[in-house]
Amino acid sequence: MKVKEKTKRNGEYSEYQKIIKMVDSAHKKAMSFTKTDYQKKLEKVFSSC
């Protein structure tokens, strides 16, 4: 999720970038959480076989 568009004022751009970074980091945290959760479920399935 990289934004290359720049607004005319640097102030607006930096605020926009802060929001993008916040969303991006939250998304990464969520992805890593669901990934580990998914792996745990797979391990349970394989161990029960």
PDB file of N, CA and C in Angstrom:
ATOM      1  N   MET A   1       0.842  -1.192   0.000  1.00  0.00           N
ATOM      2  CA  MET A   1       0.000   0.000   0.000  1.00  0.00           C
ATOM      3  C   MET A   1       0.879   1.245   0.000  1.00  0.00           C
ATOM      4  N   LYS A   2       1.522   1.527  -1.087  1.00  0.00           N
ATOM      5  CA  LYS A   2       2.413   2.675  -1.161  1.00  0.00           C
ATOM      6  C   LYS A   2       1.765   3.792  -1.960  1.00  0.00           C
ATOM      7  N   VAL A   3       1.825   4.984  -1.400  1.00  0.00           N
ATOM      8  CA  VAL A   3       1.208   6.135  -2.053  1.00  0.00           C
ATOM      9  C   VAL A   3       2.291   7.023  -2.637  1.00  0.00           C
ATOM     10  N   LYS A   4       2.233   7.236  -3.925  1.00  0.00           N
ATOM     11  CA  LYS A   4       3.224   8.076  -4.578  1.00  0.00           C
ATOM     12  C   LYS A   4       2.678   9.455  -4.899  1.00  0.00           C
ATOM     13  N   GLU A   5       1.373   9.625  -4.777  1.00  0.00           N
ATOM     14  CA  GLU A   5       0.769  10.927  -5.060  1.00  0.00           C
ATOM     15  C   GLU A   5       1.134  11.924  -3.977  1.00  0.00           C
ATOM     16  N   LYS A   6       1.498  13.120  -4.371  1.00  0.00           N
ATOM     17  CA  LYS A   6       1.787  14.162  -3.389  1.00  0.00           C
ATOM     18  C   LYS A   6       0.776  15.288  -3.541  1.00  0.00           C
ATOM     19  N   THR A   7       0.284  15.753  -2.408  1.00  0.00           N
ATOM     20  CA  THR A   7      -0.602  16.911  -2.449  1.00  0.00           C
ATOM     21  C   THR A   7       0.256  18.161  -2.577  1.00  0.00           C
ATOM     22  N   LYS A   8      -0.367  19.282  -2.871  1.00  0.00           N
ATOM     23  CA  LYS A   8       0.378  20.516  -3.114  1.00  0.00           C
ATOM     24  C   LYS A   8       1.103  21.006  -1.869  1.00  0.00           C
ATOM     25  N   ARG A   9       0.486  20.811  -0.699  1.00  0.00           N
ATOM     26  CA  ARG A   9       1.112  21.264   0.544  1.00  0.00           C
ATOM     27  C   ARG A   9       1.746  20.089   1.291  1.00  0.00           C
ATOM     28  N   ASN A  10       2.960  20.259   1.707  1.00  0.00           N
ATOM     29  CA  ASN A  10       3.668  19.193   2.419  1.00  0.00           C
ATOM     30  C   ASN A  10       2.980  18.800   3.722  1.00  0.00           C
ATOM     31  N   GLY A  11       2.343  19.755   4.376  1.00  0.00           N
ATOM     32  CA  GLY A  11       1.643  19.469   5.626  1.00  0.00           C
ATOM     33  C   GLY A  11       0.558  18.430   5.416  1.00  0.00           C
ATOM     34  N   GLU A  12      -0.233  18.611   4.381  1.00  0.00           N
ATOM     35  CA  GLU A  12      -1.307  17.670   4.063  1.00  0.00           C
ATOM     36  C   GLU A  12      -0.716  16.308   3.731  1.00  0.00           C
ATOM     37  N   TYR A  13       0.382  16.316   2.982  1.00  0.00           N
ATOM     38  CA  TYR A  13       1.024  15.066   2.556  1.00  0.00           C
ATOM     39  C   TYR A  13       1.521  14.267   3.752  1.00  0.00           C
ATOM     40  N   SER A  14       2.176  14.938   4.707  1.00  0.00           N
ATOM     41  CA  SER A  14       2.704  14.231   5.869  1.00  0.00           C
ATOM     42  C   SER A  14       1.561  13.648   6.714  1.00  0.00           C
ATOM     43  N   GLU A  15       0.473  14.389   6.853  1.00  0.00           N
ATOM     44  CA  GLU A  15      -0.678  13.878   7.606  1.00  0.00           C
ATOM     45  C   GLU A  15      -1.240  12.639   6.922  1.00  0.00           C
ATOM     46  N   TYR A  16      -1.325  12.697   5.609  1.00  0.00           N
ATOM     47  CA  TYR A  16      -1.826  11.576   4.815  1.00  0.00           C
ATOM     48  C   TYR A  16      -0.916  10.366   4.996  1.00  0.00           C
ATOM     49  N   GLN A  17       0.391  10.604   4.968  1.00  0.00           N
ATOM     50  CA  GLN A  17       1.369   9.525   5.130  1.00  0.00           C
ATOM     51  C   GLN A  17       1.261   8.883   6.510  1.00  0.00           C
ATOM     52  N   LYS A  18       1.030   9.706   7.540  1.00  0.00           N
ATOM     53  CA  LYS A  18       0.873   9.179   8.902  1.00  0.00           C
ATOM     54  C   LYS A  18      -0.305   8.217   8.959  1.00  0.00           C
ATOM     55  N   ILE A  19      -1.419   8.617   8.344  1.00  0.00           N
ATOM     56  CA  ILE A  19      -2.619   7.770   8.336  1.00  0.00           C
ATOM     57  C   ILE A  19      -2.338   6.470   7.584  1.00  0.00           C
ATOM     58  N   ILE A  20      -1.668   6.589   6.439  1.00  0.00           N
ATOM     59  CA  ILE A  20      -1.330   5.403   5.646  1.00  0.00           C
ATOM     60  C   ILE A  20      -0.456   4.448   6.459  1.00  0.00           C
ATOM     61  N   LYS A  21       0.549   4.994   7.151  1.00  0.00           N
ATOM     62  CA  LYS A  21       1.438   4.156   7.960  1.00  0.00           C
ATOM     63  C   LYS A  21       0.673   3.471   9.080  1.00  0.00           C
ATOM     64  N   MET A  22      -0.242   4.200   9.727  1.00  0.00           N
ATOM     65  CA  MET A  22      -1.032   3.620  10.809  1.00  0.00           C
ATOM     66  C   MET A  22      -1.874   2.459  10.295  1.00  0.00           C
ATOM     67  N   VAL A  23      -2.538   2.686   9.174  1.00  0.00           N
ATOM     68  CA  VAL A  23      -3.386   1.646   8.584  1.00  0.00           C
ATOM     69  C   VAL A  23      -2.540   0.454   8.162  1.00  0.00           C
ATOM     70  N   ASP A  24      -1.403   0.733   7.548  1.00  0.00           N
ATOM     71  CA  ASP A  24      -0.509  -0.319   7.068  1.00  0.00           C
ATOM     72  C   ASP A  24       0.012  -1.177   8.208  1.00  0.00           C
ATOM     73  N   SER A  25       0.458  -0.540   9.300  1.00  0.00           N
ATOM     74  CA  SER A  25       0.983  -1.302  10.435  1.00  0.00           C
ATOM     75  C   SER A  25      -0.120  -2.114  11.103  1.00  0.00           C
ATOM     76  N   ALA A  26      -1.316  -1.533  11.203  1.00  0.00           N
ATOM     77  CA  ALA A  26      -2.450  -2.257  11.782  1.00  0.00           C
ATOM     78  C   ALA A  26      -2.798  -3.455  10.920  1.00  0.00           C
ATOM     79  N   HIS A  27      -2.734  -3.273   9.613  1.00  0.00           N
ATOM     80  CA  HIS A  27      -3.023  -4.354   8.671  1.00  0.00           C
ATOM     81  C   HIS A  27      -1.993  -5.473   8.824  1.00  0.00           C
ATOM     82  N   LYS A  28      -0.721  -5.108   8.935  1.00  0.00           N
ATOM     83  CA  LYS A  28       0.339  -6.110   9.097  1.00  0.00           C
ATOM     84  C   LYS A  28       0.157  -6.890  10.395  1.00  0.00           C
ATOM     85  N   LYS A  29      -0.195  -6.184  11.469  1.00  0.00           N
ATOM     86  CA  LYS A  29      -0.431  -6.854  12.750  1.00  0.00           C
ATOM     87  C   LYS A  29      -1.584  -7.840  12.620  1.00  0.00           C
ATOM     88  N   ALA A  30      -2.647  -7.408  11.959  1.00  0.00           N
ATOM     89  CA  ALA A  30      -3.807  -8.273  11.775  1.00  0.00           C
ATOM     90  C   ALA A  30      -3.440  -9.491  10.935  1.00  0.00           C
ATOM     91  N   MET A  31      -2.671  -9.269   9.881  1.00  0.00           N
ATOM     92  CA  MET A  31      -2.263 -10.368   9.008  1.00  0.00           C
ATOM     93  C   MET A  31      -1.415 -11.383   9.767  1.00  0.00           C
ATOM     94  N   SER A  32      -0.439 -10.909  10.547  1.00  0.00           N
ATOM     95  CA  SER A  32       0.424 -11.824  11.299  1.00  0.00           C
ATOM     96  C   SER A  32      -0.397 -12.580  12.345  1.00  0.00           C
ATOM     97  N   PHE A  33      -1.388 -11.913  12.934  1.00  0.00           N
ATOM     98  CA  PHE A  33      -2.233 -12.562  13.934  1.00  0.00           C
ATOM     99  C   PHE A  33      -3.056 -13.677  13.297  1.00  0.00           C
ATOM    100  N   THR A  34      -3.709 -13.365  12.174  1.00  0.00           N
ATOM    101  CA  THR A  34      -4.548 -14.368  11.524  1.00  0.00           C
ATOM    102  C   THR A  34      -3.682 -15.502  10.989  1.00  0.00           C
ATOM    103  N   LYS A  35      -2.461 -15.188  10.563  1.00  0.00           N
ATOM    104  CA  LYS A  35      -1.562 -16.211  10.044  1.00  0.00           C
ATOM    105  C   LYS A  35      -1.212 -17.214  11.137  1.00  0.00           C
ATOM    106  N   THR A  36      -0.825 -16.707  12.318  1.00  0.00           N
ATOM    107  CA  THR A  36      -0.459 -17.605  13.407  1.00  0.00           C
ATOM    108  C   THR A  36      -1.687 -18.390  13.874  1.00  0.00           C
ATOM    109  N   ASP A  37      -2.823 -17.731  13.906  1.00  0.00           N
ATOM    110  CA  ASP A  37      -4.070 -18.380  14.301  1.00  0.00           C
ATOM    111  C   ASP A  37      -4.387 -19.515  13.337  1.00  0.00           C
ATOM    112  N   TYR A  38      -4.201 -19.262  12.071  1.00  0.00           N
ATOM    113  CA  TYR A  38      -4.448 -20.242  11.021  1.00  0.00           C
ATOM    114  C   TYR A  38      -3.485 -21.422  11.159  1.00  0.00           C
ATOM    115  N   GLN A  39      -2.221 -21.120  11.448  1.00  0.00           N
ATOM    116  CA  GLN A  39      -1.222 -22.170  11.622  1.00  0.00           C
ATOM    117  C   GLN A  39      -1.574 -23.065  12.808  1.00  0.00           C
ATOM    118  N   LYS A  40      -2.052 -22.456  13.891  1.00  0.00           N
ATOM    119  CA  LYS A  40      -2.452 -23.244  15.062  1.00  0.00           C
ATOM    120  C   LYS A  40      -3.582 -24.206  14.702  1.00  0.00           C
ATOM    121  N   LYS A  41      -4.552 -23.705  13.932  1.00  0.00           N
ATOM    122  CA  LYS A  41      -5.674 -24.545  13.519  1.00  0.00           C
ATOM    123  C   LYS A  41      -5.187 -25.696  12.659  1.00  0.00           C
ATOM    124  N   LEU A  42      -4.259 -25.420  11.755  1.00  0.00           N
ATOM    125  CA  LEU A  42      -3.709 -26.478  10.896  1.00  0.00           C
ATOM    126  C   LEU A  42      -2.992 -27.526  11.731  1.00  0.00           C
ATOM    127  N   GLU A  43      -2.218 -27.080  12.714  1.00  0.00           N
ATOM    128  CA  GLU A  43      -1.493 -28.021  13.573  1.00  0.00           C
ATOM    129  C   GLU A  43      -2.462 -28.929  14.316  1.00  0.00           C
ATOM    130  N   LYS A  44      -3.573 -28.377  14.784  1.00  0.00           N
ATOM    131  CA  LYS A  44      -4.582 -29.189  15.473  1.00  0.00           C
ATOM    132  C   LYS A  44      -5.138 -30.246  14.533  1.00  0.00           C
ATOM    133  N   VAL A  45      -5.425 -29.846  13.297  1.00  0.00           N
ATOM    134  CA  VAL A  45      -5.979 -30.776  12.311  1.00  0.00           C
ATOM    135  C   VAL A  45      -4.993 -31.909  12.036  1.00  0.00           C
ATOM    136  N   PHE A  46      -3.719 -31.554  11.830  1.00  0.00           N
ATOM    137  CA  PHE A  46      -2.719 -32.570  11.512  1.00  0.00           C
ATOM    138  C   PHE A  46      -2.421 -33.473  12.707  1.00  0.00           C
ATOM    139  N   SER A  47      -2.439 -32.937  13.908  1.00  0.00           N
ATOM    140  CA  SER A  47      -2.142 -33.747  15.090  1.00  0.00           C
ATOM    141  C   SER A  47      -3.281 -34.722  15.393  1.00  0.00           C
ATOM    142  N   SER A  48      -4.494 -34.374  14.980  1.00  0.00           N
ATOM    143  CA  SER A  48      -5.638 -35.260  15.247  1.00  0.00           C
ATOM    144  C   SER A  48      -5.727 -36.405  14.241  1.00  0.00           C
ATOM    145  N   CYS A  49      -5.007 -36.326  13.128  1.00  0.00           N
ATOM    146  CA  CYS A  49      -5.059 -37.382  12.116  1.00  0.00           C
ATOM    147  C   CYS A  49      -4.424 -38.672  12.604  1.00  0.00           C
TER     148      CYS A  49
END
